[in-house]
Amino acid sequence: MQTAGFPAFSFINLTFAKILRMISTSEAKQLILDKCKPLSVTELPLSKLSNEVLAADVKNKTDSPPFHQSAMDGYAIRFDDTKSFTHFKLTGEVIAGKANTQKLMKGTAMRIFTGAEVPVGADTVVMQEHTIPEKKGLLLTQLSMLKMGANIRVKGSQIKRGQIALPTGHLLNAASIGYLAMLGIDKAKIYKRPSVGIIATGNELQLPGKPLSGSQIYESNTITLQALLAEMHFAKVAAKRVRDNEAFIVTTLKKALNSYDVLLITGGISVGDYDLVAPVLKKIGVKTIFHKVAQKPGKPFLFGTKGKKLIFALPGNPAAVITCFLQYVKPALQKMMGYPSIDISSFMAVSQNDFSKKTGLTHFLKAFVTTKDEVEVLSGQESYLLSTYAMANCLIEVPAESNGFLKGELVLVHRF
């Protein structure tokens, strides 16, 4: 059947032509990461290093422990003496933090406490539970269990002076920061975090907590993005809302590009009469790397650059904002911070329900994965719904060429 002189398959051809003009999700990710470079290096004190990435090796300046150290409360002895003695004469005590100049003599013992320096001549510490106090001495029990060097932390056994404590590219967590403090290191060189600005566009947007009027809706995207960035330890990220007015948007974006390394824009990126973001970005000199990705949600997603500045223009639908942030923005920020690897937490899980779709677009489905690696697609996949995202803990990625999957099949899961 034909209509108005057009072949019957023309609509299908046009549909695929539109899809072909979009780039794939993998292409989009690569194009973004290709534009991301670590920023300049700065030096910060330990108190400000959490979740930062080392920009230089940290070398140890002293042995750790700095001396042979007792690992517990007990008595310092010479192990060879246990072949001839069970009763030992006490000749003193050693406490943590106090220098000891006494030398341990044959057949004697010294009281010692956890963290104290093992006296010269001693090579073993007997835990106090394996001794019986005597007048001016002690009796050792359970000698068959005692080994040479027992309960002593050897000088430099954790790390020796001059060795690399933590390498370039190491992501600093609480333990690694504590480790540096243990070594006497009070600061380290890290890659600077990119500054991030957020702008939401739309005449209909109203602040939460204020009454709605007309056809207004509450604006959640800036707050959602601030929360996502807070999870990455970005503090107090500025956000601004602007009406769908070209002059206002031009002024706001120009100012933002002068102020931030990365700009996140939500809304106004599709093809409607009031979708002004794409033409305004072009007008102010932003180079569009791509506009539209073959995915759902988040198809009308634009990525551009201006000099070293990165611009992510995200759709206005809340679920699309989160999906695009997790898949594209977060990895970009990590690379700019010098992360050693950019890896979305992904694994295969067994689907607990069916899902079908047409080929052509990659789908990211809000889902919930259990500790048994079983995953359920949640109801309510529309891109305007945040209620489903609030219950989700992962996304299922369904490839563009796939028609979906059946219950019991393995699917690719991205954990939040």
Protein backbone atom coordinates (compact mmCIF):
# COMPACT_ATOMS: atom_id res chain seq x y z
CA MET A 1 0.00 0.00 0.00
CA GLN A 2 1.25 3.48 -0.87
CA THR A 3 0.07 6.96 0.12
CA ALA A 4 0.55 10.33 -1.64
CA GLY A 5 3.17 8.86 -3.94
CA PHE A 6 5.44 7.70 -1.11
CA PRO A 7 6.52 4.06 -0.84
CA ALA A 8 5.02 2.14 2.06
CA PHE A 9 8.39 1.71 3.75
CA SER A 10 9.30 5.42 3.73
CA PHE A 11 8.21 6.01 7.33
CA ILE A 12 10.37 3.13 8.51
CA ASN A 13 13.32 4.45 6.52
CA LEU A 14 12.88 7.90 8.03
CA THR A 15 12.69 6.43 11.52
CA PHE A 16 15.95 4.54 11.09
CA ALA A 17 17.56 7.59 9.48
CA LYS A 18 16.79 9.56 12.64
CA ILE A 19 18.24 6.82 14.78
CA LEU A 20 21.35 6.65 12.61
CA ARG A 21 21.95 10.36 13.21
CA MET A 22 22.19 9.65 16.92
CA ILE A 23 25.38 8.28 18.41
CA SER A 24 25.51 5.15 20.52
CA THR A 25 25.93 5.18 24.28
CA SER A 26 29.45 3.75 23.98
CA GLU A 27 30.42 6.43 21.45
CA ALA A 28 29.03 9.13 23.72
CA LYS A 29 31.01 7.86 26.70
CA GLN A 30 34.23 7.72 24.74
CA LEU A 31 33.78 11.17 23.20
CA ILE A 32 33.24 12.63 26.66
CA LEU A 33 36.21 10.87 28.28
CA ASP A 34 38.45 11.94 25.39
CA LYS A 35 37.80 15.56 26.39
CA CYS A 36 38.47 15.01 30.10
CA LYS A 37 41.90 15.74 31.52
CA PRO A 38 43.05 15.90 35.15
CA LEU A 39 43.18 19.46 36.40
CA SER A 40 46.15 21.18 38.02
CA VAL A 41 47.86 19.83 41.14
CA THR A 42 47.45 21.29 44.61
CA GLU A 43 48.60 20.29 48.09
CA LEU A 44 46.12 19.80 50.91
CA PRO A 45 46.34 18.82 54.60
CA LEU A 46 45.12 15.39 55.68
CA SER A 47 41.85 16.83 56.99
CA LYS A 48 40.84 17.77 53.43
CA LEU A 49 42.02 14.69 51.52
CA SER A 50 38.99 12.43 51.80
CA ASN A 51 37.99 11.01 48.39
CA GLU A 52 40.77 12.89 46.60
CA VAL A 53 43.28 11.31 44.22
CA LEU A 54 47.04 11.49 44.70
CA ALA A 55 48.86 13.42 42.00
CA ALA A 56 52.31 12.27 43.16
CA ASP A 57 53.83 9.30 44.98
CA VAL A 58 53.98 9.72 48.76
CA LYS A 59 57.34 8.52 50.04
CA ASN A 60 57.80 7.39 53.61
CA LYS A 61 60.24 9.43 55.71
CA THR A 62 60.78 6.98 58.54
CA ASP A 63 60.58 3.29 59.36
CA SER A 64 57.20 2.12 60.62
CA PRO A 65 57.24 1.02 63.36
CA PRO A 66 60.23 3.29 64.11
CA PHE A 67 61.62 0.71 66.59
CA HIS A 68 61.01 -2.89 67.70
CA GLN A 69 57.64 -2.52 69.42
CA SER A 70 55.70 -4.70 71.82
CA ALA A 71 52.38 -5.88 70.37
CA MET A 72 50.80 -6.46 73.79
CA ASP A 73 51.13 -6.16 77.54
CA GLY A 74 53.52 -8.76 78.90
CA TYR A 75 57.19 -9.40 79.66
CA ALA A 76 60.25 -8.94 77.45
CA ILE A 77 62.73 -11.83 77.60
CA ARG A 78 65.52 -13.50 75.64
CA PHE A 79 64.07 -16.55 73.90
CA ASP A 80 67.20 -18.68 74.41
CA ASP A 81 66.79 -18.27 78.18
CA THR A 82 63.61 -20.38 78.04
CA LYS A 83 65.83 -23.41 77.37
CA SER A 84 67.35 -23.03 80.85
CA PHE A 85 64.87 -20.97 82.88
CA THR A 86 61.19 -20.97 83.76
CA HIS A 87 61.60 -18.51 86.64
CA PHE A 88 62.76 -15.02 85.64
CA LYS A 89 63.93 -12.10 87.73
CA LEU A 90 62.17 -8.79 87.06
CA THR A 91 64.60 -5.90 86.48
CA GLY A 92 62.31 -3.04 85.42
CA GLU A 93 59.47 -1.98 83.16
CA VAL A 94 59.07 -0.25 79.82
CA ILE A 95 56.04 1.90 79.00
CA ALA A 96 54.90 3.37 75.69
CA GLY A 97 56.33 6.77 74.88
CA LYS A 98 59.19 6.62 77.36
CA ALA A 99 62.77 6.00 76.28
CA ASN A 100 64.44 2.91 77.73
CA THR A 101 68.21 2.61 78.16
CA GLN A 102 68.30 -0.60 80.18
CA LYS A 103 69.73 -3.74 78.65
CA LEU A 104 68.12 -7.09 79.31
CA MET A 105 70.50 -9.55 80.95
CA LYS A 106 70.46 -13.36 80.95
CA GLY A 107 67.70 -14.92 83.05
CA THR A 108 65.86 -11.64 83.55
CA ALA A 109 62.64 -10.11 82.26
CA MET A 110 61.20 -6.63 81.99
CA ARG A 111 57.56 -5.67 82.32
CA ILE A 112 56.47 -4.15 79.00
CA PHE A 113 53.28 -2.57 77.70
CA THR A 114 51.65 -2.43 74.27
CA GLY A 115 53.43 0.02 71.98
CA ALA A 116 56.55 0.28 74.11
CA GLU A 117 60.06 -0.12 72.67
CA VAL A 118 61.49 -3.59 73.20
CA PRO A 119 64.61 -3.27 75.41
CA VAL A 120 68.06 -4.03 74.02
CA GLY A 121 68.85 -7.70 74.42
CA ALA A 122 65.22 -8.86 74.34
CA ASP A 123 63.83 -10.68 71.33
CA THR A 124 60.49 -12.05 72.55
CA VAL A 125 57.48 -10.80 74.51
CA VAL A 126 55.50 -13.24 76.67
CA MET A 127 51.86 -12.21 77.10
CA GLN A 128 50.97 -11.59 80.72
CA GLU A 129 48.25 -14.28 80.60
CA HIS A 130 51.04 -16.88 80.23
CA THR A 131 52.87 -15.88 83.41
CA ILE A 132 52.42 -16.26 87.16
CA PRO A 133 53.77 -13.43 89.37
CA GLU A 134 56.30 -14.41 92.04
CA LYS A 135 58.20 -12.48 94.66
CA LYS A 136 60.69 -10.35 92.68
CA GLY A 137 59.99 -12.30 89.53
CA LEU A 138 57.61 -14.41 87.52
CA LEU A 139 57.04 -17.97 86.35
CA LEU A 140 56.52 -18.57 82.63
CA THR A 141 53.75 -20.99 81.70
CA GLN A 142 52.82 -22.59 78.37
CA LEU A 143 56.43 -22.35 77.15
CA SER A 144 55.69 -24.94 74.48
CA MET A 145 53.49 -22.37 72.74
CA LEU A 146 56.11 -19.63 72.78
CA LYS A 147 58.06 -18.81 69.63
CA MET A 148 61.13 -16.70 68.96
CA GLY A 149 60.10 -13.08 68.21
CA ALA A 150 56.57 -13.57 69.53
CA ASN A 151 54.45 -10.45 70.05
CA ILE A 152 57.02 -8.04 68.63
CA ARG A 153 56.36 -5.64 65.77
CA VAL A 154 59.68 -5.48 63.98
CA LYS A 155 61.14 -2.08 63.10
CA GLY A 156 60.12 -1.18 59.54
CA SER A 157 57.85 -4.23 59.21
CA GLN A 158 54.97 -2.10 57.92
CA ILE A 159 57.08 0.07 55.64
CA LYS A 160 60.72 1.12 55.52
CA ARG A 161 62.09 4.60 55.17
CA GLY A 162 62.24 5.79 51.54
CA GLN A 163 59.64 3.34 50.25
CA ILE A 164 56.49 4.58 48.46
CA ALA A 165 53.67 4.62 50.96
CA LEU A 166 50.92 5.37 48.44
CA PRO A 167 51.30 5.70 44.64
CA THR A 168 50.14 8.35 42.20
CA GLY A 169 46.48 7.77 41.32
CA HIS A 170 45.55 6.31 44.70
CA LEU A 171 42.02 7.24 45.79
CA LEU A 172 42.31 8.40 49.38
CA ASN A 173 39.85 6.90 51.86
CA ALA A 174 39.76 7.03 55.65
CA ALA A 175 42.23 4.17 56.05
CA SER A 176 44.80 5.59 53.64
CA ILE A 177 44.57 9.03 55.26
CA GLY A 178 45.09 7.41 58.66
CA TYR A 179 48.04 5.50 57.22
CA LEU A 180 49.71 8.72 56.10
CA ALA A 181 49.15 10.20 59.56
CA MET A 182 50.72 7.10 61.13
CA LEU A 183 53.81 7.76 59.01
CA GLY A 184 54.02 11.36 60.20
CA ILE A 185 52.89 12.79 56.85
CA ASP A 186 50.57 15.77 57.24
CA LYS A 187 49.76 16.72 53.62
CA ALA A 188 49.82 15.37 50.08
CA LYS A 189 49.58 16.52 46.47
CA ILE A 190 46.27 15.83 44.76
CA TYR A 191 44.47 16.74 41.54
CA LYS A 192 42.17 19.71 41.99
CA ARG A 193 38.47 19.02 41.86
CA PRO A 194 36.66 20.64 38.94
CA SER A 195 34.28 23.42 39.90
CA VAL A 196 30.71 22.59 38.91
CA GLY A 197 27.73 24.84 38.25
CA ILE A 198 24.10 23.79 37.74
CA ILE A 199 21.45 25.63 35.74
CA ALA A 200 17.81 24.60 35.30
CA THR A 201 15.70 26.19 32.57
CA GLY A 202 11.92 26.44 32.37
CA ASN A 203 9.06 28.91 32.88
CA GLU A 204 7.08 26.29 34.76
CA LEU A 205 9.59 25.72 37.58
CA GLN A 206 8.80 26.57 41.19
CA LEU A 207 10.96 26.16 44.29
CA PRO A 208 9.97 23.37 46.69
CA GLY A 209 8.12 24.73 49.69
CA LYS A 210 6.39 27.50 47.76
CA PRO A 211 2.79 27.30 46.52
CA LEU A 212 2.17 26.28 42.92
CA SER A 213 0.18 28.53 40.61
CA GLY A 214 -1.08 28.09 37.07
CA SER A 215 0.68 25.14 35.43
CA GLN A 216 3.82 25.29 37.59
CA ILE A 217 5.68 22.20 38.79
CA TYR A 218 8.23 21.84 41.53
CA GLU A 219 11.83 21.94 40.29
CA SER A 220 13.81 18.93 41.50
CA ASN A 221 16.67 18.55 39.02
CA THR A 222 19.07 21.04 40.60
CA ILE A 223 18.49 19.52 44.04
CA THR A 224 18.94 16.00 42.66
CA LEU A 225 22.19 16.96 40.94
CA GLN A 226 23.47 18.66 44.09
CA ALA A 227 22.73 15.47 46.03
CA LEU A 228 24.47 13.29 43.42
CA LEU A 229 27.51 15.57 43.55
CA ALA A 230 27.45 15.54 47.35
CA GLU A 231 27.74 11.74 47.18
CA MET A 232 31.00 12.38 45.28
CA HIS A 233 32.09 14.79 48.05
CA PHE A 234 31.44 17.93 46.02
CA ALA A 235 30.30 20.42 48.64
CA LYS A 236 27.97 23.40 48.21
CA VAL A 237 27.59 23.25 44.43
CA ALA A 238 25.90 26.41 43.16
CA ALA A 239 22.59 26.08 41.31
CA LYS A 240 20.52 28.64 39.41
CA ARG A 241 17.11 28.59 37.77
CA VAL A 242 16.38 30.64 34.63
CA ARG A 243 13.22 31.27 32.61
CA ASP A 244 12.85 30.26 28.95
CA ASN A 245 14.06 33.61 27.69
CA GLU A 246 16.96 33.71 25.23
CA ALA A 247 18.52 36.88 26.64
CA PHE A 248 18.34 35.56 30.21
CA ILE A 249 19.80 32.20 29.18
CA VAL A 250 22.63 33.84 27.21
CA THR A 251 23.60 36.02 30.18
CA THR A 252 23.36 33.16 32.66
CA LEU A 253 25.37 30.67 30.57
CA LYS A 254 28.08 33.21 29.73
CA LYS A 255 28.57 34.01 33.40
CA ALA A 256 28.56 30.32 34.34
CA LEU A 257 31.17 29.43 31.71
CA ASN A 258 33.47 32.08 33.16
CA SER A 259 33.01 30.66 36.66
CA TYR A 260 33.04 26.86 36.39
CA ASP A 261 35.07 24.05 34.86
CA VAL A 262 31.95 21.94 34.31
CA LEU A 263 28.45 23.18 33.60
CA LEU A 264 25.34 21.03 34.04
CA ILE A 265 22.19 22.33 32.36
CA THR A 266 18.77 20.71 32.64
CA GLY A 267 15.81 21.30 30.34
CA GLY A 268 15.41 23.25 27.12
CA ILE A 269 17.51 20.82 25.09
CA SER A 270 14.90 19.16 22.87
CA VAL A 271 13.34 20.61 19.68
CA GLY A 272 10.35 22.62 20.95
CA ASP A 273 9.82 26.34 20.37
CA TYR A 274 11.01 27.09 23.90
CA ASP A 275 13.95 24.68 23.88
CA LEU A 276 16.57 27.39 23.64
CA VAL A 277 19.65 25.82 25.22
CA ALA A 278 21.24 24.25 22.11
CA PRO A 279 21.05 27.40 19.93
CA VAL A 280 22.21 29.59 22.83
CA LEU A 281 25.21 27.35 23.45
CA LYS A 282 26.15 27.64 19.79
CA LYS A 283 25.65 31.41 19.93
CA ILE A 284 28.06 31.85 22.87
CA GLY A 285 30.80 29.76 21.26
CA VAL A 286 30.27 26.29 22.70
CA LYS A 287 31.37 23.53 20.33
CA THR A 288 28.81 20.73 20.21
CA ILE A 289 30.52 17.33 20.34
CA PHE A 290 27.21 15.49 20.03
CA HIS A 291 23.50 16.16 20.46
CA LYS A 292 21.20 13.17 20.91
CA VAL A 293 22.18 9.70 22.04
CA ALA A 294 20.39 6.52 20.98
CA GLN A 295 19.12 5.76 24.47
CA LYS A 296 16.03 5.85 26.67
CA PRO A 297 15.68 7.82 28.87
CA GLY A 298 17.90 10.77 27.98
CA LYS A 299 17.90 10.83 24.18
CA PRO A 300 18.07 14.66 23.77
CA PHE A 301 21.41 14.90 25.60
CA LEU A 302 24.04 17.40 24.43
CA PHE A 303 27.72 17.46 25.26
CA GLY A 304 29.93 20.37 24.26
CA THR A 305 33.15 22.18 25.07
CA LYS A 306 34.44 25.71 25.18
CA GLY A 307 38.20 25.69 25.61
CA LYS A 308 38.80 23.40 28.57
CA LYS A 309 35.26 23.86 29.89
CA LEU A 310 32.83 20.94 29.63
CA ILE A 311 29.10 21.45 29.12
CA PHE A 312 26.51 18.73 29.77
CA ALA A 313 23.03 19.78 28.64
CA LEU A 314 20.68 17.20 30.12
CA PRO A 315 17.01 16.57 29.39
CA GLY A 316 14.47 18.10 31.74
CA ASN A 317 12.82 14.84 32.77
CA PRO A 318 14.06 13.90 36.27
CA ALA A 319 14.78 10.23 35.60
CA ALA A 320 16.73 11.13 32.45
CA VAL A 321 18.82 13.59 34.49
CA ILE A 322 19.89 10.92 36.97
CA THR A 323 20.57 8.34 34.27
CA CYS A 324 22.72 10.73 32.23
CA PHE A 325 24.59 11.87 35.32
CA LEU A 326 25.43 8.31 36.40
CA GLN A 327 26.41 7.13 32.92
CA TYR A 328 28.26 10.18 31.61
CA VAL A 329 28.82 13.04 34.06
CA LYS A 330 30.11 11.08 37.02
CA PRO A 331 32.79 9.21 35.00
CA ALA A 332 33.86 12.52 33.43
CA LEU A 333 34.30 14.18 36.82
CA GLN A 334 36.24 11.17 38.08
CA LYS A 335 38.65 11.36 35.16
CA MET A 336 39.14 15.09 35.72
CA MET A 337 39.99 14.29 39.35
CA GLY A 338 42.65 11.80 38.26
CA TYR A 339 40.87 8.58 39.21
CA PRO A 340 43.11 5.62 38.28
CA SER A 341 40.24 3.90 36.49
CA ILE A 342 36.77 4.94 35.39
CA ASP A 343 34.57 1.99 36.16
CA ILE A 344 30.81 2.02 36.58
CA SER A 345 30.07 -0.82 39.01
CA SER A 346 28.68 -3.41 36.59
CA PHE A 347 27.91 -7.11 36.76
CA MET A 348 25.53 -9.73 35.42
CA ALA A 349 22.41 -10.68 37.36
CA VAL A 350 19.43 -12.95 36.81
CA SER A 351 16.27 -11.12 35.75
CA GLN A 352 13.16 -11.82 37.80
CA ASN A 353 10.76 -10.61 35.11
CA ASP A 354 10.37 -10.11 31.36
CA PHE A 355 11.01 -6.94 29.41
CA SER A 356 10.46 -6.23 25.73
CA LYS A 357 11.36 -3.27 23.53
CA LYS A 358 11.97 -2.31 19.93
CA THR A 359 15.52 -2.30 18.61
CA GLY A 360 17.31 0.97 17.99
CA LEU A 361 17.73 2.53 21.43
CA THR A 362 19.72 1.40 24.45
CA HIS A 363 17.38 1.28 27.45
CA PHE A 364 18.40 1.99 31.04
CA LEU A 365 15.79 0.44 33.32
CA LYS A 366 15.28 1.37 36.95
CA ALA A 367 15.63 -1.85 38.88
CA PHE A 368 16.35 -3.45 42.24
CA VAL A 369 19.06 -6.06 42.71
CA THR A 370 19.15 -8.37 45.74
CA THR A 371 22.16 -9.76 47.58
CA LYS A 372 21.62 -12.96 45.58
CA ASP A 373 22.32 -11.10 42.33
CA GLU A 374 18.72 -11.40 41.26
CA VAL A 375 17.35 -8.24 39.67
CA GLU A 376 13.80 -7.03 39.19
CA VAL A 377 12.68 -4.40 36.69
CA LEU A 378 10.54 -1.92 38.64
CA SER A 379 7.21 -0.68 37.35
CA GLY A 380 7.06 2.95 36.25
CA GLN A 381 9.89 3.41 33.74
CA GLU A 382 8.65 6.74 32.35
CA SER A 383 11.32 9.42 32.38
CA TYR A 384 9.25 11.87 34.44
CA LEU A 385 8.95 9.42 37.36
CA LEU A 386 11.32 9.79 40.28
CA SER A 387 9.21 7.60 42.58
CA THR A 388 10.62 4.48 40.90
CA TYR A 389 14.19 5.80 41.04
CA ALA A 390 13.72 6.39 44.78
CA MET A 391 13.12 2.65 45.20
CA ALA A 392 15.84 1.51 42.76
CA ASN A 393 19.43 0.58 43.55
CA CYS A 394 20.64 -0.14 40.02
CA LEU A 395 20.03 0.24 36.31
CA ILE A 396 19.67 -2.60 33.85
CA GLU A 397 21.26 -1.76 30.50
CA VAL A 398 19.48 -3.29 27.53
CA PRO A 399 21.54 -2.91 24.31
CA ALA A 400 20.17 -1.02 21.32
CA GLU A 401 20.11 -4.14 19.14
CA SER A 402 18.21 -6.17 21.76
CA ASN A 403 14.49 -6.91 21.78
CA GLY A 404 14.56 -7.35 25.55
CA PHE A 405 14.91 -10.36 27.82
CA LEU A 406 12.95 -13.06 29.59
CA LYS A 407 12.72 -13.97 33.25
CA GLY A 408 15.72 -16.09 34.22
CA GLU A 409 18.10 -14.56 31.68
CA LEU A 410 21.31 -12.80 32.61
CA VAL A 411 21.22 -9.01 32.20
CA LEU A 412 23.83 -6.27 32.60
CA VAL A 413 23.38 -4.33 35.84
CA HIS A 414 24.96 -1.00 36.86
CA ARG A 415 24.87 -0.63 40.65
CA PHE A 416 24.45 2.85 42.10
